[in-house]
N, C-alpha and C. Protein backbone atom coordinates (compact mmCIF):
# COMPACT_ATOMS: atom_id res chain seq x y z
N MET A 1 23.50 -5.47 -42.42
CA MET A 1 21.99 -5.84 -42.09
C MET A 1 21.48 -4.75 -41.88
N SER A 2 20.01 -5.44 -42.72
CA SER A 2 19.13 -4.75 -43.01
C SER A 2 18.29 -3.83 -42.09
N PHE A 3 17.39 -2.50 -42.75
CA PHE A 3 17.15 -1.56 -42.10
C PHE A 3 15.79 -2.48 -41.38
N ARG A 4 14.46 -3.55 -42.02
CA ARG A 4 14.09 -4.53 -40.87
C ARG A 4 14.56 -5.38 -40.10
N VAL A 5 15.43 -5.56 -40.04
CA VAL A 5 16.44 -6.05 -39.47
C VAL A 5 16.80 -5.70 -38.02
N CYS A 6 17.16 -4.14 -38.32
CA CYS A 6 17.46 -3.49 -37.28
C CYS A 6 16.66 -2.83 -36.59
N ALA A 7 15.06 -2.79 -37.12
CA ALA A 7 14.00 -2.49 -36.42
C ALA A 7 13.50 -3.54 -35.92
N ILE A 8 13.13 -4.36 -35.89
CA ILE A 8 13.41 -5.78 -35.07
C ILE A 8 13.96 -5.68 -33.74
N LEU A 9 15.31 -5.70 -34.03
CA LEU A 9 16.27 -5.73 -32.78
C LEU A 9 16.12 -4.81 -31.90
N PHE A 10 16.00 -3.24 -32.20
CA PHE A 10 15.61 -1.89 -31.15
C PHE A 10 14.41 -2.18 -30.53
N SER A 11 13.47 -2.74 -31.31
CA SER A 11 12.53 -3.06 -30.75
C SER A 11 12.48 -3.89 -29.74
N VAL A 12 12.82 -4.86 -29.97
CA VAL A 12 13.24 -6.16 -28.49
C VAL A 12 13.94 -5.26 -27.38
N MET A 13 15.12 -4.94 -27.85
CA MET A 13 15.45 -3.80 -27.09
C MET A 13 14.91 -3.24 -26.13
N CYS A 14 14.35 -2.24 -26.54
CA CYS A 14 13.39 -1.44 -25.78
C CYS A 14 12.47 -1.75 -24.94
N VAL A 15 11.77 -2.98 -25.18
CA VAL A 15 10.31 -4.12 -24.71
C VAL A 15 11.33 -4.67 -23.44
N SER A 16 12.58 -4.85 -23.76
CA SER A 16 13.35 -5.63 -22.97
C SER A 16 14.04 -5.19 -21.79
N ALA A 17 14.02 -3.53 -22.33
CA ALA A 17 14.93 -2.91 -21.28
C ALA A 17 13.69 -2.22 -20.31
N CYS A 18 12.95 -1.94 -21.29
CA CYS A 18 11.37 -1.14 -20.35
C CYS A 18 10.80 -1.98 -19.27
N GLY A 19 10.70 -2.88 -19.87
CA GLY A 19 9.89 -4.33 -19.09
C GLY A 19 10.10 -4.71 -17.57
N SER A 20 11.88 -4.39 -17.56
CA SER A 20 12.14 -4.38 -15.48
C SER A 20 12.08 -3.26 -14.95
N SER A 21 11.58 -2.53 -15.39
CA SER A 21 11.80 -0.79 -14.80
C SER A 21 9.98 -1.31 -14.18
N THR A 22 8.92 -1.78 -14.51
CA THR A 22 7.84 -1.67 -14.24
C THR A 22 7.92 -3.15 -12.73
N SER A 23 8.29 -3.55 -12.40
CA SER A 23 8.69 -4.65 -11.40
C SER A 23 8.31 -3.92 -10.67
N PRO A 24 7.60 -4.45 -9.20
CA PRO A 24 7.60 -4.00 -7.80
C PRO A 24 9.02 -4.65 -7.10
N SER A 25 9.21 -3.28 -6.42
CA SER A 25 10.63 -3.22 -6.21
C SER A 25 10.36 -4.57 -4.68
N SER A 26 11.68 -5.58 -4.67
CA SER A 26 11.14 -6.80 -3.66
C SER A 26 11.43 -6.69 -2.22
N THR A 27 12.12 -5.16 -1.83
CA THR A 27 12.14 -4.52 -0.69
C THR A 27 11.56 -3.65 -0.65
N PRO A 28 10.61 -3.72 0.92
CA PRO A 28 9.26 -2.63 1.22
C PRO A 28 10.58 -1.38 1.28
N GLU A 29 9.41 -0.63 1.44
CA GLU A 29 9.76 0.83 1.92
C GLU A 29 10.21 0.88 3.38
N ALA A 30 10.79 1.00 3.36
CA ALA A 30 11.43 1.58 5.40
C ALA A 30 9.43 2.70 5.57
N ALA A 31 9.56 2.14 7.20
CA ALA A 31 8.98 3.26 7.53
C ALA A 31 9.25 4.40 8.53
N PRO A 32 8.63 5.38 8.25
CA PRO A 32 9.02 6.16 9.29
C PRO A 32 9.38 6.50 10.34
N ALA A 33 10.94 6.52 11.11
CA ALA A 33 11.27 6.69 12.40
C ALA A 33 9.78 6.72 13.45
N GLY A 34 9.86 5.88 14.67
CA GLY A 34 8.94 6.36 15.09
C GLY A 34 7.40 5.58 14.93
N SER A 35 7.72 5.82 13.67
CA SER A 35 5.70 5.09 13.49
C SER A 35 5.94 3.84 14.08
N THR A 36 4.09 3.32 13.87
CA THR A 36 3.59 1.97 14.12
C THR A 36 3.34 1.19 12.73
N SER A 37 3.36 0.44 12.65
CA SER A 37 3.16 0.17 11.23
C SER A 37 2.10 -1.25 11.43
N ILE A 38 1.38 -1.02 10.15
CA ILE A 38 0.12 -1.61 9.94
C ILE A 38 0.46 -2.24 8.73
N THR A 39 -0.10 -3.67 8.73
CA THR A 39 0.42 -4.22 7.00
C THR A 39 -0.81 -5.07 6.71
N ILE A 40 -0.46 -4.49 5.27
CA ILE A 40 -1.77 -4.94 4.19
C ILE A 40 -0.99 -6.84 4.00
N VAL A 41 -1.86 -7.65 4.59
CA VAL A 41 -1.28 -9.21 4.59
C VAL A 41 -1.23 -9.73 2.89
N SER A 42 -1.50 -10.80 3.09
CA SER A 42 -1.43 -11.13 1.45
C SER A 42 -2.35 -11.53 1.95
N GLY A 43 -2.92 -11.99 0.51
CA GLY A 43 -4.60 -12.27 -0.27
C GLY A 43 -5.52 -11.34 0.39
N ALA A 44 -5.14 -9.76 0.78
CA ALA A 44 -5.80 -9.10 1.52
C ALA A 44 -7.42 -9.02 0.67
N SER A 45 -7.28 -9.01 -0.47
CA SER A 45 -8.68 -8.96 -1.25
C SER A 45 -9.95 -10.06 -0.68
N GLY A 46 -9.32 -10.96 0.05
CA GLY A 46 -10.45 -11.72 -0.04
C GLY A 46 -10.42 -12.18 1.45
N LEU A 47 -10.03 -11.43 1.83
CA LEU A 47 -10.15 -10.81 4.04
C LEU A 47 -11.02 -10.21 4.16
N THR A 48 -11.42 -9.90 4.95
CA THR A 48 -11.75 -8.88 6.12
C THR A 48 -11.41 -8.48 6.99
N GLY A 49 -11.51 -8.71 8.41
CA GLY A 49 -11.19 -7.92 9.15
C GLY A 49 -9.86 -8.53 9.61
N THR A 50 -9.17 -9.09 8.72
CA THR A 50 -7.98 -9.94 9.24
C THR A 50 -6.96 -9.35 7.79
N ALA A 51 -7.62 -8.79 7.00
CA ALA A 51 -6.47 -8.00 5.53
C ALA A 51 -5.69 -7.06 6.51
N TYR A 52 -5.81 -6.31 7.59
CA TYR A 52 -5.32 -5.38 7.77
C TYR A 52 -4.49 -6.12 9.13
N ASN A 53 -3.11 -6.13 9.17
CA ASN A 53 -2.62 -6.40 11.12
C ASN A 53 -1.58 -5.48 11.84
N PRO A 54 -1.93 -5.53 12.53
CA PRO A 54 -2.44 -5.80 13.54
C PRO A 54 -4.07 -4.71 12.92
N ASN A 55 -5.55 -5.84 13.50
CA ASN A 55 -6.64 -4.87 13.50
C ASN A 55 -6.95 -5.32 14.96
N PRO A 56 -8.06 -4.61 15.99
CA PRO A 56 -7.73 -3.44 15.26
C PRO A 56 -6.19 -2.83 16.65
N ILE A 57 -6.18 -1.78 16.41
CA ILE A 57 -5.16 -1.30 17.17
C ILE A 57 -5.44 -0.27 17.84
N THR A 58 -4.70 0.61 18.56
CA THR A 58 -4.83 1.51 19.67
C THR A 58 -3.27 2.24 19.25
N VAL A 59 -3.36 3.51 19.43
CA VAL A 59 -1.91 4.62 19.37
C VAL A 59 -2.53 5.94 19.89
N SER A 60 -1.43 6.74 20.45
CA SER A 60 -1.55 7.90 20.65
C SER A 60 -1.64 8.61 19.68
N VAL A 61 -2.46 10.33 20.15
CA VAL A 61 -2.21 11.47 20.17
C VAL A 61 -0.96 12.03 19.37
N GLY A 62 -0.49 11.38 17.52
CA GLY A 62 0.60 12.69 17.48
C GLY A 62 1.49 10.68 16.76
N THR A 63 0.34 10.39 17.02
CA THR A 63 1.33 8.81 16.20
C THR A 63 1.27 9.02 14.52
N THR A 64 2.10 8.61 13.92
CA THR A 64 1.71 8.32 12.28
C THR A 64 2.31 6.66 12.56
N VAL A 65 0.64 6.17 11.92
CA VAL A 65 0.74 4.93 11.38
C VAL A 65 0.66 4.98 9.59
N SER A 66 1.54 3.72 9.84
CA SER A 66 2.47 3.36 8.10
C SER A 66 2.03 2.01 7.58
N TRP A 67 1.55 2.37 7.11
CA TRP A 67 0.16 1.02 6.42
C TRP A 67 1.57 0.47 5.39
N LEU A 68 1.97 -0.83 5.55
CA LEU A 68 2.88 -1.59 4.49
C LEU A 68 2.33 -2.64 3.48
N ASN A 69 2.24 -2.00 1.92
CA ASN A 69 1.08 -3.47 0.94
C ASN A 69 2.41 -4.64 0.95
N SER A 70 2.06 -5.88 1.74
CA SER A 70 3.09 -7.67 2.14
C SER A 70 1.91 -7.68 0.41
N ASP A 71 1.07 -7.02 -0.18
CA ASP A 71 0.53 -8.28 -0.77
C ASP A 71 0.48 -8.28 -2.52
N SER A 72 0.16 -8.81 -3.19
CA SER A 72 1.03 -8.86 -4.72
C SER A 72 -0.11 -8.04 -5.68
N ILE A 73 -1.30 -7.88 -4.72
CA ILE A 73 -2.11 -5.82 -5.60
C ILE A 73 -2.04 -4.71 -4.45
N THR A 74 -2.24 -3.79 -5.51
CA THR A 74 -2.51 -2.44 -4.78
C THR A 74 -3.62 -2.22 -4.24
N HIS A 75 -3.91 -1.84 -3.21
CA HIS A 75 -4.79 -1.66 -2.13
C HIS A 75 -4.60 0.04 -1.85
N THR A 76 -5.41 0.40 -1.20
CA THR A 76 -5.84 1.88 -0.57
C THR A 76 -6.37 1.34 1.07
N SER A 77 -6.27 2.69 2.03
CA SER A 77 -6.64 2.39 3.16
C SER A 77 -6.98 3.83 3.59
N ALA A 78 -8.74 3.94 3.81
CA ALA A 78 -9.52 5.21 3.93
C ALA A 78 -10.46 5.06 4.93
N ALA A 79 -9.85 5.79 6.14
CA ALA A 79 -11.14 6.63 6.87
C ALA A 79 -12.59 6.32 6.51
N ASN A 80 -13.21 5.70 7.32
CA ASN A 80 -15.12 5.80 6.93
C ASN A 80 -15.64 7.25 6.81
N ASN A 81 -14.90 8.22 7.69
CA ASN A 81 -15.37 9.42 8.37
C ASN A 81 -14.47 10.00 6.97
N GLY A 82 -14.14 10.01 6.40
CA GLY A 82 -12.91 11.11 5.30
C GLY A 82 -11.80 11.16 5.66
N LEU A 83 -11.16 11.44 6.87
CA LEU A 83 -10.04 12.11 7.62
C LEU A 83 -8.72 11.87 7.21
N PHE A 84 -8.89 10.53 5.95
CA PHE A 84 -7.25 10.25 5.27
C PHE A 84 -7.53 9.42 4.48
N THR A 85 -7.52 8.83 2.98
CA THR A 85 -7.57 8.30 2.19
C THR A 85 -6.00 8.36 1.37
N SER A 86 -6.19 7.19 1.49
CA SER A 86 -4.03 7.13 0.34
C SER A 86 -4.39 7.07 -0.53
N PRO A 87 -3.27 7.20 -1.42
CA PRO A 87 -3.53 7.35 -2.48
C PRO A 87 -3.51 5.12 -3.28
N ASN A 88 -3.50 4.87 -4.46
CA ASN A 88 -3.24 3.34 -4.33
C ASN A 88 -1.80 3.06 -4.23
N VAL A 89 -1.95 1.90 -3.34
CA VAL A 89 -0.50 1.07 -2.28
C VAL A 89 -0.08 0.33 -3.13
N ALA A 90 0.90 0.41 -3.87
CA ALA A 90 1.67 -0.87 -4.95
C ALA A 90 2.04 -1.40 -3.89
N PRO A 91 2.40 -2.88 -4.67
CA PRO A 91 3.23 -3.96 -3.28
C PRO A 91 4.51 -3.22 -3.06
N ASN A 92 4.67 -3.71 -1.72
CA ASN A 92 5.88 -3.16 -1.07
C ASN A 92 6.25 -1.47 -0.38
N SER A 93 5.04 -0.99 -1.27
CA SER A 93 4.99 0.62 -0.77
C SER A 93 4.26 0.85 0.66
N ARG A 94 4.33 1.99 0.58
CA ARG A 94 3.48 2.18 2.10
C ARG A 94 2.92 3.67 1.65
N PHE A 95 1.38 4.08 3.01
CA PHE A 95 1.36 5.27 2.98
C PHE A 95 1.02 5.95 4.48
N ASN A 96 1.15 7.18 4.79
CA ASN A 96 1.94 7.17 5.87
C ASN A 96 0.57 8.22 6.91
N PHE A 97 -0.13 8.28 7.42
CA PHE A 97 -0.60 9.21 7.99
C PHE A 97 -0.55 9.73 9.97
N THR A 98 -0.49 10.41 9.88
CA THR A 98 -0.54 10.91 11.06
C THR A 98 -1.62 11.95 12.19
N PHE A 99 -2.01 10.72 13.36
CA PHE A 99 -3.44 11.23 13.60
C PHE A 99 -3.50 11.98 14.63
N THR A 100 -3.77 13.40 14.84
CA THR A 100 -3.89 14.59 15.64
C THR A 100 -5.39 14.72 16.76
N THR A 101 -6.03 13.95 16.17
CA THR A 101 -7.21 14.31 16.94
C THR A 101 -6.98 13.04 17.65
N ALA A 102 -7.89 12.69 19.29
CA ALA A 102 -8.13 11.38 19.44
C ALA A 102 -9.93 11.02 19.05
N GLY A 103 -9.57 9.72 18.90
CA GLY A 103 -10.93 9.29 18.43
C GLY A 103 -10.42 7.48 17.77
N THR A 104 -12.37 7.25 17.46
CA THR A 104 -11.85 5.99 16.86
C THR A 104 -12.05 5.78 14.96
N PHE A 105 -11.65 5.15 14.53
CA PHE A 105 -11.67 5.58 13.19
C PHE A 105 -11.33 4.20 12.32
N PRO A 106 -12.84 4.06 11.86
CA PRO A 106 -12.65 2.82 11.10
C PRO A 106 -12.17 3.28 9.75
N TYR A 107 -11.55 1.58 8.69
CA TYR A 107 -10.98 1.98 7.82
C TYR A 107 -11.58 1.42 7.09
N HIS A 108 -11.46 1.47 5.92
CA HIS A 108 -11.27 0.11 4.62
C HIS A 108 -10.63 0.35 3.35
N CYS A 109 -10.79 -0.81 2.28
CA CYS A 109 -9.98 0.13 1.13
C CYS A 109 -10.78 0.48 0.10
N THR A 110 -10.65 1.07 -0.52
CA THR A 110 -11.72 1.87 -1.45
C THR A 110 -11.69 0.61 -2.93
N ILE A 111 -10.97 -0.16 -2.93
CA ILE A 111 -10.59 -0.63 -3.85
C ILE A 111 -11.68 -2.13 -3.72
N HIS A 112 -10.87 -3.18 -2.75
CA HIS A 112 -11.95 -4.03 -2.28
C HIS A 112 -12.33 -3.87 -0.56
N PRO A 113 -13.42 -3.49 -0.92
CA PRO A 113 -14.62 -2.50 0.35
C PRO A 113 -14.88 -3.27 1.48
N ASN A 114 -14.82 -5.21 1.16
CA ASN A 114 -14.39 -5.82 2.28
C ASN A 114 -13.32 -5.86 3.48
N MET A 115 -12.32 -5.17 2.92
CA MET A 115 -10.94 -5.16 3.61
C MET A 115 -11.63 -4.26 4.70
N VAL A 116 -11.82 -4.14 6.06
CA VAL A 116 -11.69 -3.58 7.13
C VAL A 116 -10.77 -3.72 8.65
N GLY A 117 -10.94 -2.31 8.76
CA GLY A 117 -9.95 -1.96 10.05
C GLY A 117 -9.94 -0.95 10.83
N THR A 118 -9.95 -0.82 12.13
CA THR A 118 -10.17 0.13 12.97
C THR A 118 -8.67 0.67 14.13
N ILE A 119 -8.46 1.95 14.16
CA ILE A 119 -7.58 2.43 14.56
C ILE A 119 -8.23 3.35 16.00
N THR A 120 -7.89 2.99 16.67
CA THR A 120 -8.44 4.20 18.29
C THR A 120 -7.28 4.98 18.40
N VAL A 121 -8.19 6.22 18.50
CA VAL A 121 -6.43 6.82 19.00
C VAL A 121 -6.75 7.84 20.59
N GLN A 122 -5.46 7.10 21.50
CA GLN A 122 -6.08 7.76 22.83
C GLN A 122 -4.95 9.40 23.18
């Protein structure tokens, strides 16, 4: 086999092997035990108050809220007052935040600012 044919075959094998590692998992991450889940719904980037479900939501002080991205694209969750800001949350991934103070916390997606939600902590 010539060097050129070997190089082409090697390149094809590398591309094939590497391509599978970038696919998002088809199984969502598990929520932390005892947490309250909020789902980022499919098609969320084109929605407003229904992009996060449930919305609004009320939880107790000390509750961990776990956002699950059920959409096919990346989103975030960020409090309007800066209390929390998630990193980019890929499809089937989660962001968790524990609320230690009472209050009402409007939040949004920093990538798609039309996506909004509110958490009331009592």
